[in-house]
All heavy atoms as atom14 arrays in JSON, in Angstrom:
{
  "sequence": "NITTFDPLRIATHEHAALLGDVARSTTWRDRLSTVLR",
  "atom14_mask": [
    [1, 1, 1, 1, 1, 1, 1, 1, 0, 0, 0, 0, 0, 0],
    [1, 1, 1, 1, 1, 1, 1, 1, 0, 0, 0, 0, 0, 0],
    [1, 1, 1, 1, 1, 1, 1, 0, 0, 0, 0, 0, 0, 0],
    [1, 1, 1, 1, 1, 1, 1, 0, 0, 0, 0, 0, 0, 0],
    [1, 1, 1, 1, 1, 1, 1, 1, 1, 1, 1, 0, 0, 0],
    [1, 1, 1, 1, 1, 1, 1, 1, 0, 0, 0, 0, 0, 0],
    [1, 1, 1, 1, 1, 1, 1, 0, 0, 0, 0, 0, 0, 0],
    [1, 1, 1, 1, 1, 1, 1, 1, 0, 0, 0, 0, 0, 0],
    [1, 1, 1, 1, 1, 1, 1, 1, 1, 1, 1, 0, 0, 0],
    [1, 1, 1, 1, 1, 1, 1, 1, 0, 0, 0, 0, 0, 0],
    [1, 1, 1, 1, 1, 0, 0, 0, 0, 0, 0, 0, 0, 0],
    [1, 1, 1, 1, 1, 1, 1, 0, 0, 0, 0, 0, 0, 0],
    [1, 1, 1, 1, 1, 1, 1, 1, 1, 1, 0, 0, 0, 0],
    [1, 1, 1, 1, 1, 1, 1, 1, 1, 0, 0, 0, 0, 0],
    [1, 1, 1, 1, 1, 1, 1, 1, 1, 1, 0, 0, 0, 0],
    [1, 1, 1, 1, 1, 0, 0, 0, 0, 0, 0, 0, 0, 0],
    [1, 1, 1, 1, 1, 0, 0, 0, 0, 0, 0, 0, 0, 0],
    [1, 1, 1, 1, 1, 1, 1, 1, 0, 0, 0, 0, 0, 0],
    [1, 1, 1, 1, 1, 1, 1, 1, 0, 0, 0, 0, 0, 0],
    [1, 1, 1, 1, 0, 0, 0, 0, 0, 0, 0, 0, 0, 0],
    [1, 1, 1, 1, 1, 1, 1, 1, 0, 0, 0, 0, 0, 0],
    [1, 1, 1, 1, 1, 1, 1, 0, 0, 0, 0, 0, 0, 0],
    [1, 1, 1, 1, 1, 0, 0, 0, 0, 0, 0, 0, 0, 0],
    [1, 1, 1, 1, 1, 1, 1, 1, 1, 1, 1, 0, 0, 0],
    [1, 1, 1, 1, 1, 1, 0, 0, 0, 0, 0, 0, 0, 0],
    [1, 1, 1, 1, 1, 1, 1, 0, 0, 0, 0, 0, 0, 0],
    [1, 1, 1, 1, 1, 1, 1, 0, 0, 0, 0, 0, 0, 0],
    [1, 1, 1, 1, 1, 1, 1, 1, 1, 1, 1, 1, 1, 1],
    [1, 1, 1, 1, 1, 1, 1, 1, 1, 1, 1, 0, 0, 0],
    [1, 1, 1, 1, 1, 1, 1, 1, 0, 0, 0, 0, 0, 0],
    [1, 1, 1, 1, 1, 1, 1, 1, 1, 1, 1, 0, 0, 0],
    [1, 1, 1, 1, 1, 1, 1, 1, 0, 0, 0, 0, 0, 0],
    [1, 1, 1, 1, 1, 1, 0, 0, 0, 0, 0, 0, 0, 0],
    [1, 1, 1, 1, 1, 1, 1, 0, 0, 0, 0, 0, 0, 0],
    [1, 1, 1, 1, 1, 1, 1, 0, 0, 0, 0, 0, 0, 0],
    [1, 1, 1, 1, 1, 1, 1, 1, 0, 0, 0, 0, 0, 0],
    [1, 1, 1, 1, 1, 1, 1, 1, 1, 1, 1, 0, 0, 0]
  ],
  "atom14_positions": [
    [[113.19, 127.64, 52.3], [113.25, 126.32, 51.58], [112.34, 125.37, 52.21], [112.01, 125.36, 53.41], [114.7, 125.77, 51.59], [115.58, 126.45, 50.62], [115.2, 126.7, 49.46], [116.72, 126.84, 51.07], [0.0, 0.0, 0.0], [0.0, 0.0, 0.0], [0.0, 0.0, 0.0], [0.0, 0.0, 0.0], [0.0, 0.0, 0.0], [0.0, 0.0, 0.0]],
    [[111.69, 124.5, 51.34], [110.69, 123.62, 51.78], [111.22, 122.18, 52.09], [110.45, 121.42, 52.68], [109.56, 123.5, 50.77], [110.06, 123.11, 49.37], [108.78, 124.82, 50.7], [109.03, 122.92, 48.38], [0.0, 0.0, 0.0], [0.0, 0.0, 0.0], [0.0, 0.0, 0.0], [0.0, 0.0, 0.0], [0.0, 0.0, 0.0], [0.0, 0.0, 0.0]],
    [[112.42, 121.95, 51.76], [113.14, 120.67, 52.15], [112.24, 119.43, 51.91], [112.04, 118.6, 52.8], [113.63, 120.69, 53.53], [112.48, 120.86, 54.49], [114.56, 121.85, 53.76], [0.0, 0.0, 0.0], [0.0, 0.0, 0.0], [0.0, 0.0, 0.0], [0.0, 0.0, 0.0], [0.0, 0.0, 0.0], [0.0, 0.0, 0.0], [0.0, 0.0, 0.0]],
    [[111.7, 119.27, 50.72], [110.9, 118.14, 50.36], [111.11, 117.81, 48.91], [111.41, 118.71, 48.1], [109.45, 118.37, 50.66], [108.75, 117.13, 50.39], [108.87, 119.49, 49.87], [0.0, 0.0, 0.0], [0.0, 0.0, 0.0], [0.0, 0.0, 0.0], [0.0, 0.0, 0.0], [0.0, 0.0, 0.0], [0.0, 0.0, 0.0], [0.0, 0.0, 0.0]],
    [[110.98, 116.57, 48.56], [110.94, 116.13, 47.17], [109.55, 115.6, 46.69], [109.42, 115.11, 45.63], [111.99, 115.0, 46.92], [113.42, 115.42, 47.37], [113.99, 114.89, 48.5], [114.11, 116.3, 46.6], [115.22, 115.27, 48.87], [115.39, 116.69, 46.96], [115.96, 116.2, 48.09], [0.0, 0.0, 0.0], [0.0, 0.0, 0.0], [0.0, 0.0, 0.0]],
    [[108.53, 115.88, 47.55], [107.23, 115.44, 47.24], [106.62, 116.38, 46.23], [106.34, 117.6, 46.54], [106.37, 115.41, 48.54], [104.91, 115.06, 48.33], [104.56, 114.76, 47.17], [104.17, 115.03, 49.3], [0.0, 0.0, 0.0], [0.0, 0.0, 0.0], [0.0, 0.0, 0.0], [0.0, 0.0, 0.0], [0.0, 0.0, 0.0], [0.0, 0.0, 0.0]],
    [[106.26, 115.88, 45.0], [105.74, 116.82, 43.96], [104.46, 117.53, 44.43], [104.27, 118.74, 44.12], [105.45, 115.9, 42.79], [106.42, 114.77, 43.01], [106.49, 114.57, 44.49], [0.0, 0.0, 0.0], [0.0, 0.0, 0.0], [0.0, 0.0, 0.0], [0.0, 0.0, 0.0], [0.0, 0.0, 0.0], [0.0, 0.0, 0.0], [0.0, 0.0, 0.0]],
    [[103.57, 116.87, 45.16], [102.34, 117.52, 45.61], [102.65, 118.65, 46.58], [102.03, 119.71, 46.48], [101.5, 116.5, 46.27], [100.04, 117.05, 46.72], [99.24, 117.5, 45.56], [99.3, 115.93, 47.57], [0.0, 0.0, 0.0], [0.0, 0.0, 0.0], [0.0, 0.0, 0.0], [0.0, 0.0, 0.0], [0.0, 0.0, 0.0], [0.0, 0.0, 0.0]],
    [[103.61, 118.43, 47.46], [103.95, 119.48, 48.37], [104.66, 120.65, 47.66], [104.44, 121.83, 47.98], [104.92, 118.9, 49.45], [105.6, 119.91, 50.37], [104.63, 120.45, 51.45], [105.42, 121.31, 52.37], [104.94, 122.45, 52.89], [103.71, 122.81, 52.59], [105.6, 123.09, 53.75], [0.0, 0.0, 0.0], [0.0, 0.0, 0.0], [0.0, 0.0, 0.0]],
    [[105.51, 120.33, 46.71], [106.15, 121.33, 45.93], [105.18, 122.21, 45.23], [105.29, 123.46, 45.13], [107.2, 120.72, 44.9], [108.31, 120.03, 45.65], [107.71, 121.77, 43.94], [109.19, 119.19, 44.75], [0.0, 0.0, 0.0], [0.0, 0.0, 0.0], [0.0, 0.0, 0.0], [0.0, 0.0, 0.0], [0.0, 0.0, 0.0], [0.0, 0.0, 0.0]],
    [[104.13, 121.59, 44.65], [103.18, 122.31, 43.81], [102.24, 123.17, 44.6], [101.7, 124.2, 44.14], [102.32, 121.31, 42.96], [0.0, 0.0, 0.0], [0.0, 0.0, 0.0], [0.0, 0.0, 0.0], [0.0, 0.0, 0.0], [0.0, 0.0, 0.0], [0.0, 0.0, 0.0], [0.0, 0.0, 0.0], [0.0, 0.0, 0.0], [0.0, 0.0, 0.0]],
    [[101.94, 122.77, 45.88], [100.91, 123.47, 46.67], [101.34, 124.24, 47.91], [100.52, 124.93, 48.49], [99.86, 122.34, 47.14], [100.54, 121.44, 48.02], [99.27, 121.63, 45.94], [0.0, 0.0, 0.0], [0.0, 0.0, 0.0], [0.0, 0.0, 0.0], [0.0, 0.0, 0.0], [0.0, 0.0, 0.0], [0.0, 0.0, 0.0], [0.0, 0.0, 0.0]],
    [[102.64, 124.12, 48.28], [103.03, 124.68, 49.61], [102.79, 126.19, 49.7], [102.3, 126.63, 50.73], [104.5, 124.31, 49.9], [105.42, 125.18, 49.11], [105.88, 124.91, 47.81], [106.1, 126.29, 49.46], [106.72, 125.77, 47.45], [106.93, 126.69, 48.38], [0.0, 0.0, 0.0], [0.0, 0.0, 0.0], [0.0, 0.0, 0.0], [0.0, 0.0, 0.0]],
    [[103.01, 126.95, 48.68], [102.84, 128.37, 48.78], [101.43, 128.8, 48.63], [101.0, 129.7, 49.34], [103.66, 129.07, 47.69], [103.71, 130.56, 47.85], [104.36, 131.07, 49.09], [105.13, 130.33, 49.77], [104.17, 132.29, 49.44], [0.0, 0.0, 0.0], [0.0, 0.0, 0.0], [0.0, 0.0, 0.0], [0.0, 0.0, 0.0], [0.0, 0.0, 0.0]],
    [[100.58, 128.05, 47.89], [99.16, 128.28, 47.93], [98.57, 128.06, 49.36], [97.76, 128.84, 49.79], [98.43, 127.38, 46.91], [98.68, 127.72, 45.52], [99.61, 127.15, 44.71], [98.12, 128.66, 44.69], [99.64, 127.7, 43.51], [98.69, 128.66, 43.47], [0.0, 0.0, 0.0], [0.0, 0.0, 0.0], [0.0, 0.0, 0.0], [0.0, 0.0, 0.0]],
    [[99.02, 126.98, 49.95], [98.48, 126.63, 51.31], [98.98, 127.74, 52.27], [98.17, 128.17, 53.16], [98.98, 125.28, 51.78], [0.0, 0.0, 0.0], [0.0, 0.0, 0.0], [0.0, 0.0, 0.0], [0.0, 0.0, 0.0], [0.0, 0.0, 0.0], [0.0, 0.0, 0.0], [0.0, 0.0, 0.0], [0.0, 0.0, 0.0], [0.0, 0.0, 0.0]],
    [[100.23, 128.19, 52.18], [100.7, 129.26, 53.02], [99.94, 130.5, 52.82], [99.6, 131.26, 53.8], [102.16, 129.41, 52.86], [0.0, 0.0, 0.0], [0.0, 0.0, 0.0], [0.0, 0.0, 0.0], [0.0, 0.0, 0.0], [0.0, 0.0, 0.0], [0.0, 0.0, 0.0], [0.0, 0.0, 0.0], [0.0, 0.0, 0.0], [0.0, 0.0, 0.0]],
    [[99.69, 130.86, 51.56], [98.99, 132.11, 51.21], [97.58, 132.13, 51.8], [97.16, 133.1, 52.47], [98.96, 132.25, 49.71], [98.32, 133.58, 49.11], [98.9, 133.84, 47.8], [96.79, 133.47, 49.03], [0.0, 0.0, 0.0], [0.0, 0.0, 0.0], [0.0, 0.0, 0.0], [0.0, 0.0, 0.0], [0.0, 0.0, 0.0], [0.0, 0.0, 0.0]],
    [[96.82, 131.01, 51.66], [95.51, 130.96, 52.16], [95.52, 130.93, 53.67], [94.59, 131.44, 54.3], [94.76, 129.73, 51.57], [94.46, 129.79, 50.09], [93.79, 128.5, 49.64], [93.58, 131.02, 49.75], [0.0, 0.0, 0.0], [0.0, 0.0, 0.0], [0.0, 0.0, 0.0], [0.0, 0.0, 0.0], [0.0, 0.0, 0.0], [0.0, 0.0, 0.0]],
    [[96.52, 130.27, 54.25], [96.63, 130.29, 55.67], [96.85, 131.75, 56.24], [96.27, 132.15, 57.27], [0.0, 0.0, 0.0], [0.0, 0.0, 0.0], [0.0, 0.0, 0.0], [0.0, 0.0, 0.0], [0.0, 0.0, 0.0], [0.0, 0.0, 0.0], [0.0, 0.0, 0.0], [0.0, 0.0, 0.0], [0.0, 0.0, 0.0], [0.0, 0.0, 0.0]],
    [[97.6, 132.58, 55.49], [97.79, 133.96, 55.96], [96.58, 134.78, 55.69], [96.32, 135.71, 56.42], [98.98, 134.55, 55.18], [100.33, 133.91, 55.57], [100.38, 133.27, 56.63], [101.31, 134.07, 54.82], [0.0, 0.0, 0.0], [0.0, 0.0, 0.0], [0.0, 0.0, 0.0], [0.0, 0.0, 0.0], [0.0, 0.0, 0.0], [0.0, 0.0, 0.0]],
    [[95.82, 134.41, 54.67], [94.57, 135.12, 54.46], [93.65, 134.83, 55.62], [92.91, 135.68, 56.14], [93.83, 134.72, 53.11], [92.4, 135.15, 53.04], [94.65, 135.22, 51.93], [0.0, 0.0, 0.0], [0.0, 0.0, 0.0], [0.0, 0.0, 0.0], [0.0, 0.0, 0.0], [0.0, 0.0, 0.0], [0.0, 0.0, 0.0], [0.0, 0.0, 0.0]],
    [[93.67, 133.59, 56.04], [92.78, 133.17, 57.21], [93.18, 133.93, 58.44], [92.26, 134.21, 59.28], [92.87, 131.66, 57.41], [0.0, 0.0, 0.0], [0.0, 0.0, 0.0], [0.0, 0.0, 0.0], [0.0, 0.0, 0.0], [0.0, 0.0, 0.0], [0.0, 0.0, 0.0], [0.0, 0.0, 0.0], [0.0, 0.0, 0.0], [0.0, 0.0, 0.0]],
    [[94.41, 134.24, 58.62], [94.89, 134.98, 59.8], [94.6, 136.44, 59.7], [94.76, 137.17, 60.71], [96.37, 134.71, 60.06], [96.69, 133.31, 60.45], [98.04, 133.16, 61.03], [99.08, 133.26, 59.97], [100.4, 133.21, 60.29], [100.85, 133.25, 61.54], [101.25, 133.2, 59.31], [0.0, 0.0, 0.0], [0.0, 0.0, 0.0], [0.0, 0.0, 0.0]],
    [[94.33, 136.99, 58.51], [94.15, 138.4, 58.32], [92.81, 138.81, 59.05], [91.85, 138.11, 59.05], [94.06, 138.79, 56.82], [95.28, 138.44, 56.19], [0.0, 0.0, 0.0], [0.0, 0.0, 0.0], [0.0, 0.0, 0.0], [0.0, 0.0, 0.0], [0.0, 0.0, 0.0], [0.0, 0.0, 0.0], [0.0, 0.0, 0.0], [0.0, 0.0, 0.0]],
    [[92.8, 140.07, 59.47], [91.64, 140.59, 60.2], [90.98, 141.79, 59.52], [90.01, 142.34, 59.99], [91.97, 140.97, 61.67], [93.02, 141.96, 61.58], [92.49, 139.8, 62.45], [0.0, 0.0, 0.0], [0.0, 0.0, 0.0], [0.0, 0.0, 0.0], [0.0, 0.0, 0.0], [0.0, 0.0, 0.0], [0.0, 0.0, 0.0], [0.0, 0.0, 0.0]],
    [[91.55, 142.16, 58.39], [91.0, 143.26, 57.59], [91.1, 142.95, 56.15], [91.99, 142.11, 55.75], [91.76, 144.6, 57.85], [93.1, 144.47, 57.34], [91.79, 144.99, 59.4], [0.0, 0.0, 0.0], [0.0, 0.0, 0.0], [0.0, 0.0, 0.0], [0.0, 0.0, 0.0], [0.0, 0.0, 0.0], [0.0, 0.0, 0.0], [0.0, 0.0, 0.0]],
    [[90.33, 143.58, 55.26], [90.43, 143.38, 53.86], [91.76, 143.93, 53.32], [92.27, 143.46, 52.33], [89.26, 144.05, 53.17], [88.05, 143.15, 53.09], [86.87, 143.29, 53.74], [87.95, 141.87, 52.38], [86.04, 142.23, 53.47], [86.68, 141.37, 52.58], [88.81, 141.21, 51.5], [86.23, 140.17, 52.01], [88.38, 139.98, 50.95], [87.12, 139.5, 51.19]],
    [[92.22, 144.97, 53.95], [93.53, 145.5, 53.54], [94.65, 144.45, 53.66], [95.42, 144.32, 52.73], [93.82, 146.78, 54.36], [95.22, 147.32, 53.93], [95.48, 148.6, 54.68], [96.76, 149.25, 54.3], [97.23, 150.39, 54.78], [96.56, 150.99, 55.71], [98.34, 150.86, 54.34], [0.0, 0.0, 0.0], [0.0, 0.0, 0.0], [0.0, 0.0, 0.0]],
    [[94.65, 143.73, 54.82], [95.6, 142.67, 54.97], [95.4, 141.53, 54.02], [96.36, 140.96, 53.48], [95.52, 142.15, 56.41], [96.52, 142.89, 57.32], [97.24, 143.85, 56.87], [96.62, 142.48, 58.52], [0.0, 0.0, 0.0], [0.0, 0.0, 0.0], [0.0, 0.0, 0.0], [0.0, 0.0, 0.0], [0.0, 0.0, 0.0], [0.0, 0.0, 0.0]],
    [[94.16, 141.15, 53.74], [93.87, 140.04, 52.91], [94.33, 140.35, 51.49], [95.02, 139.49, 50.81], [92.39, 139.7, 52.91], [91.84, 139.16, 54.22], [90.35, 138.81, 54.17], [89.93, 138.51, 55.49], [89.23, 139.37, 56.24], [88.94, 140.59, 55.78], [88.85, 139.0, 57.51], [0.0, 0.0, 0.0], [0.0, 0.0, 0.0], [0.0, 0.0, 0.0]],
    [[93.97, 141.54, 50.98], [94.3, 141.88, 49.64], [95.82, 142.14, 49.51], [96.47, 141.78, 48.5], [93.61, 143.18, 49.2], [92.01, 142.9, 49.07], [91.32, 144.24, 48.69], [91.74, 141.85, 48.04], [0.0, 0.0, 0.0], [0.0, 0.0, 0.0], [0.0, 0.0, 0.0], [0.0, 0.0, 0.0], [0.0, 0.0, 0.0], [0.0, 0.0, 0.0]],
    [[96.43, 142.68, 50.54], [97.91, 142.82, 50.54], [98.64, 141.52, 50.5], [99.61, 141.35, 49.82], [98.35, 143.67, 51.75], [97.87, 145.03, 51.64], [0.0, 0.0, 0.0], [0.0, 0.0, 0.0], [0.0, 0.0, 0.0], [0.0, 0.0, 0.0], [0.0, 0.0, 0.0], [0.0, 0.0, 0.0], [0.0, 0.0, 0.0], [0.0, 0.0, 0.0]],
    [[98.12, 140.56, 51.26], [98.68, 139.22, 51.26], [98.67, 138.56, 49.95], [99.62, 137.9, 49.55], [97.95, 138.33, 52.28], [98.09, 138.87, 53.6], [98.45, 136.89, 52.26], [0.0, 0.0, 0.0], [0.0, 0.0, 0.0], [0.0, 0.0, 0.0], [0.0, 0.0, 0.0], [0.0, 0.0, 0.0], [0.0, 0.0, 0.0], [0.0, 0.0, 0.0]],
    [[97.61, 138.86, 49.13], [97.48, 138.23, 47.83], [98.22, 139.02, 46.77], [98.92, 138.39, 45.86], [96.0, 138.11, 47.46], [95.84, 137.69, 46.0], [95.27, 137.17, 48.41], [0.0, 0.0, 0.0], [0.0, 0.0, 0.0], [0.0, 0.0, 0.0], [0.0, 0.0, 0.0], [0.0, 0.0, 0.0], [0.0, 0.0, 0.0], [0.0, 0.0, 0.0]],
    [[98.14, 140.32, 46.8], [98.58, 141.13, 45.66], [100.02, 141.68, 45.87], [100.76, 141.91, 44.87], [97.64, 142.31, 45.45], [96.2, 141.87, 45.05], [95.3, 143.14, 44.9], [96.19, 141.1, 43.81], [0.0, 0.0, 0.0], [0.0, 0.0, 0.0], [0.0, 0.0, 0.0], [0.0, 0.0, 0.0], [0.0, 0.0, 0.0], [0.0, 0.0, 0.0]],
    [[100.49, 142.01, 47.1], [101.73, 142.57, 47.29], [102.83, 141.47, 47.22], [102.53, 140.24, 47.07], [101.83, 143.29, 48.65], [100.88, 144.48, 48.69], [101.0, 145.22, 50.01], [102.29, 145.87, 50.14], [102.57, 146.77, 51.09], [101.68, 147.07, 52.0], [103.76, 147.37, 51.18], [0.0, 0.0, 0.0], [0.0, 0.0, 0.0], [0.0, 0.0, 0.0]]
  ]
}
């Protein structure tokens, strides 16, 4: 749960988390798995 009522945060929190996890990935397999799985 994101525990916020901020519409901007509600709309973008998972996109930000997804791209953050892509940034932490060290292989294309991890990057594509993060996006597609």
